[in-house]
Amino acid sequence: MKQGTIELIFFALIFLSLQFWWVRMTIKNGRTGEVDKWGQKTNKNELNELEKAKKDLEKLFRS
């Protein structure tokens, strides 16, 4: 065995396990657009308020 083979296998196993976990959590939580970065379901009303505030700020900066 060449030097570094065990380390590469170790990192490959970690990568595959994280991929499996990510796919499982994505399926469990439903569509990815409805989940925030912490894996919690987002409230559509909050998103609308944020979008409205963002548009208002963009109007202010353009003036």
C-alpha atoms as a PDB file:
ATOM      1  CA  MET A   1       0.000   0.000   0.000  1.00  0.00           C
ATOM      2  CA  LYS A   2       1.244   3.457  -0.865  1.00  0.00           C
ATOM      3  CA  GLN A   3       1.583   6.184   1.702  1.00  0.00           C
ATOM      4  CA  GLY A   4      -1.687   8.108   2.237  1.00  0.00           C
ATOM      5  CA  THR A   5      -4.051   5.347   1.100  1.00  0.00           C
ATOM      6  CA  ILE A   6      -5.596   4.891   4.538  1.00  0.00           C
ATOM      7  CA  GLU A   7      -6.120   8.646   4.916  1.00  0.00           C
ATOM      8  CA  LEU A   8      -7.818   8.882   1.512  1.00  0.00           C
ATOM      9  CA  ILE A   9     -10.115   5.974   2.369  1.00  0.00           C
ATOM     10  CA  PHE A  10     -10.924   7.624   5.695  1.00  0.00           C
ATOM     11  CA  PHE A  11     -11.817  10.949   4.037  1.00  0.00           C
ATOM     12  CA  ALA A  12     -13.849   9.174   1.354  1.00  0.00           C
ATOM     13  CA  LEU A  13     -15.895   7.377   4.031  1.00  0.00           C
ATOM     14  CA  ILE A  14     -16.507  10.649   5.883  1.00  0.00           C
ATOM     15  CA  PHE A  15     -17.539  12.356   2.649  1.00  0.00           C
ATOM     16  CA  LEU A  16     -19.950   9.566   1.697  1.00  0.00           C
ATOM     17  CA  SER A  17     -21.489   9.493   5.163  1.00  0.00           C
ATOM     18  CA  LEU A  18     -22.054  13.263   5.081  1.00  0.00           C
ATOM     19  CA  GLN A  19     -23.626  12.989   1.627  1.00  0.00           C
ATOM     20  CA  PHE A  20     -25.943  10.240   2.844  1.00  0.00           C
ATOM     21  CA  TRP A  21     -26.892  12.342   5.902  1.00  0.00           C
ATOM     22  CA  TRP A  22     -27.557  15.428   3.731  1.00  0.00           C
ATOM     23  CA  VAL A  23     -29.829  13.533   1.324  1.00  0.00           C
ATOM     24  CA  ARG A  24     -31.707  11.927   4.210  1.00  0.00           C
ATOM     25  CA  MET A  25     -32.270  15.290   5.927  1.00  0.00           C
ATOM     26  CA  THR A  26     -33.335  16.912   2.647  1.00  0.00           C
ATOM     27  CA  ILE A  27     -35.931  14.209   2.033  1.00  0.00           C
ATOM     28  CA  LYS A  28     -37.098  14.321   5.657  1.00  0.00           C
ATOM     29  CA  ASN A  29     -37.567  18.102   5.635  1.00  0.00           C
ATOM     30  CA  GLY A  30     -39.257  18.207   2.249  1.00  0.00           C
ATOM     31  CA  ARG A  31     -38.300  20.702  -0.417  1.00  0.00           C
ATOM     32  CA  THR A  32     -34.978  22.410   0.233  1.00  0.00           C
ATOM     33  CA  GLY A  33     -36.432  25.862  -0.407  1.00  0.00           C
ATOM     34  CA  GLU A  34     -38.683  25.561   2.634  1.00  0.00           C
ATOM     35  CA  VAL A  35     -35.839  24.837   5.062  1.00  0.00           C
ATOM     36  CA  ASP A  36     -33.541  27.480   6.499  1.00  0.00           C
ATOM     37  CA  LYS A  37     -29.823  26.983   7.031  1.00  0.00           C
ATOM     38  CA  TRP A  38     -30.383  25.342  10.425  1.00  0.00           C
ATOM     39  CA  GLY A  39     -32.779  22.750   9.015  1.00  0.00           C
ATOM     40  CA  GLN A  40     -35.943  24.342  10.420  1.00  0.00           C
ATOM     41  CA  LYS A  41     -39.103  24.897   8.406  1.00  0.00           C
ATOM     42  CA  THR A  42     -39.493  28.517   7.378  1.00  0.00           C
ATOM     43  CA  ASN A  43     -42.646  30.540   7.752  1.00  0.00           C
ATOM     44  CA  LYS A  44     -43.867  31.958   4.448  1.00  0.00           C
ATOM     45  CA  ASN A  45     -45.181  35.120   6.173  1.00  0.00           C
ATOM     46  CA  GLU A  46     -41.735  35.851   7.540  1.00  0.00           C
ATOM     47  CA  LEU A  47     -40.242  35.411   4.086  1.00  0.00           C
ATOM     48  CA  ASN A  48     -42.760  37.823   2.602  1.00  0.00           C
ATOM     49  CA  GLU A  49     -41.970  40.417   5.267  1.00  0.00           C
ATOM     50  CA  LEU A  50     -38.259  40.014   4.629  1.00  0.00           C
ATOM     51  CA  GLU A  51     -38.738  40.383   0.893  1.00  0.00           C
ATOM     52  CA  LYS A  52     -40.824  43.520   1.446  1.00  0.00           C
ATOM     53  CA  ALA A  53     -38.175  45.017   3.743  1.00  0.00           C
ATOM     54  CA  LYS A  54     -35.471  44.137   1.221  1.00  0.00           C
ATOM     55  CA  LYS A  55     -37.345  45.863  -1.601  1.00  0.00           C
ATOM     56  CA  ASP A  56     -37.921  48.948   0.553  1.00  0.00           C
ATOM     57  CA  LEU A  57     -34.223  49.159   1.393  1.00  0.00           C
ATOM     58  CA  GLU A  58     -33.290  48.722  -2.261  1.00  0.00           C
ATOM     59  CA  LYS A  59     -35.586  51.627  -3.148  1.00  0.00           C
ATOM     60  CA  LEU A  60     -33.933  53.786  -0.479  1.00  0.00           C
ATOM     61  CA  PHE A  61     -30.435  53.006  -1.727  1.00  0.00           C
ATOM     62  CA  ARG A  62     -31.355  53.686  -5.352  1.00  0.00           C
ATOM     63  CA  SER A  63     -32.744  57.153  -4.505  1.00  0.00           C
END
